[in-house]
C-alpha atoms as a PDB file:
ATOM      1  CA  MET A   1      -0.173  -0.233  -0.453  1.00  0.00           C
ATOM      2  CA  ALA A   2       3.046   2.627   0.803  1.00  0.00           C
ATOM      3  CA  VAL A   3       4.585   1.228  -2.465  1.00  0.00           C
ATOM      4  CA  GLU A   4       0.852   2.183  -4.173  1.00  0.00           C
ATOM      5  CA  ALA A   5       1.558   5.235  -2.529  1.00  0.00           C
ATOM      6  CA  LEU A   6       3.992   6.371  -3.634  1.00  0.00           C
ATOM      7  CA  ALA A   7       3.573   5.925  -7.174  1.00  0.00           C
ATOM      8  CA  LEU A   8       0.858   8.450  -6.635  1.00  0.00           C
ATOM      9  CA  LEU A   9       2.913  10.520  -5.562  1.00  0.00           C
ATOM     10  CA  SER A  10       5.354  10.672  -8.736  1.00  0.00           C
ATOM     11  CA  VAL A  11       2.208  10.592 -11.352  1.00  0.00           C
ATOM     12  CA  ALA A  12       1.426  13.999  -9.221  1.00  0.00           C
ATOM     13  CA  ALA A  13       5.096  15.094  -9.802  1.00  0.00           C
ATOM     14  CA  GLY A  14       4.756  13.825 -13.305  1.00  0.00           C
ATOM     15  CA  GLU A  15       1.871  15.710 -13.882  1.00  0.00           C
ATOM     16  CA  LEU A  16       2.933  18.911 -11.824  1.00  0.00           C
ATOM     17  CA  LEU A  17       5.975  18.601 -14.548  1.00  0.00           C
ATOM     18  CA  ALA A  18       3.682  18.333 -17.781  1.00  0.00           C
ATOM     19  CA  VAL A  19       2.024  21.600 -16.771  1.00  0.00           C
ATOM     20  CA  THR A  20       2.256  24.101 -19.289  1.00  0.00           C
ATOM     21  CA  PRO A  21       0.954  27.737 -20.333  1.00  0.00           C
ATOM     22  CA  GLY A  22      -2.438  25.922 -21.822  1.00  0.00           C
ATOM     23  CA  ARG A  23      -3.720  23.577 -18.999  1.00  0.00           C
ATOM     24  CA  ILE A  24      -2.125  24.798 -15.665  1.00  0.00           C
ATOM     25  CA  GLY A  25      -5.741  24.318 -14.201  1.00  0.00           C
ATOM     26  CA  LEU A  26      -6.400  20.946 -15.180  1.00  0.00           C
ATOM     27  CA  GLY A  27      -2.830  19.736 -14.581  1.00  0.00           C
ATOM     28  CA  VAL A  28      -2.424  21.607 -11.182  1.00  0.00           C
ATOM     29  CA  SER A  29      -5.595  20.250  -9.827  1.00  0.00           C
ATOM     30  CA  THR A  30      -5.222  15.971 -11.459  1.00  0.00           C
ATOM     31  CA  ALA A  31      -1.178  17.334  -9.241  1.00  0.00           C
ATOM     32  CA  LEU A  32      -3.619  17.383  -5.916  1.00  0.00           C
ATOM     33  CA  PHE A  33      -6.157  14.830  -6.179  1.00  0.00           C
ATOM     34  CA  PHE A  34      -3.441  12.378  -6.839  1.00  0.00           C
ATOM     35  CA  MET A  35      -1.069  14.274  -4.194  1.00  0.00           C
ATOM     36  CA  ALA A  36      -4.827  13.552  -2.195  1.00  0.00           C
ATOM     37  CA  CYS A  37      -4.737  10.488  -2.987  1.00  0.00           C
ATOM     38  CA  ALA A  38      -1.887   8.994  -2.280  1.00  0.00           C
ATOM     39  CA  LEU A  39      -1.406  11.175   1.244  1.00  0.00           C
ATOM     40  CA  GLY A  40      -4.800   8.867   1.466  1.00  0.00           C
ATOM     41  CA  LEU A  41      -3.929   5.694   0.971  1.00  0.00           C
ATOM     42  CA  GLY A  42      -0.503   6.264   2.558  1.00  0.00           C
ATOM     43  CA  TYR A  43      -2.015   7.531   5.609  1.00  0.00           C
ATOM     44  CA  ALA A  44      -4.130   4.172   5.556  1.00  0.00           C
ATOM     45  CA  ALA A  45      -0.563   1.975   5.383  1.00  0.00           C
ATOM     46  CA  SER A  46       0.706   3.281   7.940  1.00  0.00           C
ATOM     47  CA  GLY A  47      -2.599   2.528  10.190  1.00  0.00           C
ATOM     48  CA  VAL A  48      -2.694  -0.777   8.636  1.00  0.00           C
ATOM     49  CA  TRP A  49       1.369  -1.112  10.093  1.00  0.00           C
ATOM     50  CA  ARG A  50       0.243   0.500  13.682  1.00  0.00           C
ATOM     51  CA  VAL A  51      -2.926  -3.115  13.543  1.00  0.00           C
ATOM     52  CA  LEU A  52      -5.570  -0.235  13.799  1.00  0.00           C
ATOM     53  CA  GLY A  53      -9.777  -0.999  12.642  1.00  0.00           C
ATOM     54  CA  TRP A  54     -10.091   1.769  11.096  1.00  0.00           C
ATOM     55  CA  SER A  55      -7.296   1.693   8.166  1.00  0.00           C
ATOM     56  CA  ARG A  56      -8.799  -1.233   6.673  1.00  0.00           C
ATOM     57  CA  GLY A  57     -11.397  -0.552   4.552  1.00  0.00           C
ATOM     58  CA  PRO A  58     -10.074   2.382   2.867  1.00  0.00           C
ATOM     59  CA  VAL A  59      -7.411   0.150   1.707  1.00  0.00           C
ATOM     60  CA  VAL A  60     -10.317  -2.339   0.843  1.00  0.00           C
ATOM     61  CA  VAL A  61     -11.903   0.381  -1.216  1.00  0.00           C
ATOM     62  CA  ALA A  62      -8.641   1.328  -3.649  1.00  0.00           C
ATOM     63  CA  GLN A  63      -7.206  -2.200  -4.085  1.00  0.00           C
ATOM     64  CA  LEU A  64     -10.979  -2.129  -5.647  1.00  0.00           C
ATOM     65  CA  LEU A  65     -10.830   0.687  -7.726  1.00  0.00           C
ATOM     66  CA  LEU A  66      -7.333  -0.930  -8.655  1.00  0.00           C
ATOM     67  CA  LEU A  67      -8.452  -3.803  -9.476  1.00  0.00           C
ATOM     68  CA  GLY A  68     -11.559  -1.281 -12.217  1.00  0.00           C
ATOM     69  CA  VAL A  69      -8.012   0.569 -13.775  1.00  0.00           C
ATOM     70  CA  ALA A  70      -7.148  -2.765 -14.242  1.00  0.00           C
ATOM     71  CA  VAL A  71     -10.256  -4.114 -16.108  1.00  0.00           C
ATOM     72  CA  SER A  72     -10.330  -1.235 -18.563  1.00  0.00           C
ATOM     73  CA  THR A  73      -7.235  -1.222 -19.596  1.00  0.00           C
ATOM     74  CA  ARG A  74      -7.287  -5.160 -20.025  1.00  0.00           C
ATOM     75  CA  ASP A  75      -7.434  -4.116 -24.473  1.00  0.00           C
ATOM     76  CA  SER A  76      -5.369  -1.211 -24.566  1.00  0.00           C
ATOM     77  CA  LEU A  77      -1.713  -2.748 -21.637  1.00  0.00           C
ATOM     78  CA  PRO A  78      -3.092  -6.306 -21.171  1.00  0.00           C
ATOM     79  CA  TRP A  79      -0.126  -6.664 -19.422  1.00  0.00           C
ATOM     80  CA  TRP A  80      -0.244  -3.791 -17.839  1.00  0.00           C
ATOM     81  CA  ALA A  81      -3.867  -4.800 -16.443  1.00  0.00           C
ATOM     82  CA  VAL A  82      -2.562  -8.794 -15.810  1.00  0.00           C
ATOM     83  CA  GLY A  83       0.050  -6.979 -13.021  1.00  0.00           C
ATOM     84  CA  LEU A  84      -2.577  -3.957 -11.713  1.00  0.00           C
ATOM     85  CA  ALA A  85      -4.525  -6.945 -11.188  1.00  0.00           C
ATOM     86  CA  GLY A  86      -2.256  -9.122  -9.778  1.00  0.00           C
ATOM     87  CA  TRP A  87      -1.842  -6.625  -7.444  1.00  0.00           C
ATOM     88  CA  ALA A  88      -4.557  -5.861  -5.346  1.00  0.00           C
ATOM     89  CA  LEU A  89      -5.893  -9.130  -5.591  1.00  0.00           C
ATOM     90  CA  ALA A  90      -2.623  -9.825  -3.683  1.00  0.00           C
ATOM     91  CA  VAL A  91      -2.975  -6.726  -0.887  1.00  0.00           C
ATOM     92  CA  LEU A  92      -6.836  -7.967  -0.656  1.00  0.00           C
ATOM     93  CA  ALA A  93      -5.391 -11.018   0.070  1.00  0.00           C
ATOM     94  CA  LEU A  94      -3.380 -10.303   2.527  1.00  0.00           C
ATOM     95  CA  VAL A  95      -5.877  -7.537   4.056  1.00  0.00           C
ATOM     96  CA  LEU A  96      -8.518  -9.852   3.859  1.00  0.00           C
ATOM     97  CA  ARG A  97      -7.454 -13.324   5.535  1.00  0.00           C
ATOM     98  CA  PRO A  98      -8.358 -14.426   9.214  1.00  0.00           C
ATOM     99  CA  ALA A  99      -5.358 -13.263  11.196  1.00  0.00           C
ATOM    100  CA  ALA A 100      -5.038  -9.970   8.797  1.00  0.00           C
ATOM    101  CA  THR A 101      -9.526 -10.186  10.232  1.00  0.00           C
ATOM    102  CA  ARG A 102      -8.629 -10.948  13.699  1.00  0.00           C
ATOM    103  CA  ALA A 103      -5.982  -7.920  14.236  1.00  0.00           C
ATOM    104  CA  LEU A 104      -8.360  -5.241  12.764  1.00  0.00           C
ATOM    105  CA  ALA A 105     -11.712  -5.501  14.137  1.00  0.00           C
ATOM    106  CA  ASP A 106     -12.587  -3.347  16.082  1.00  0.00           C
END
């Protein structure tokens, strides 16, 4: 999950570097969106690391969104889609396994 947060931060940085005079508003707002997502996912990852029950929900939602991205890219980038889906399924399997469920139960 922390790796995903870092990836989102790199996307945000890429957006900022790609800002041109004709798309300042779009570039900055997109970068801020990805930064906010990265910070939220990073915070949830730290919550899982500290075994805080609230943190599992945002992590599961993020992985389900990542699965949606994988499905939407399956035709144009099949190898990328397989990698994203595999990553998301692995994180879901770890967060939803019985031992994690017991540890993160409120």
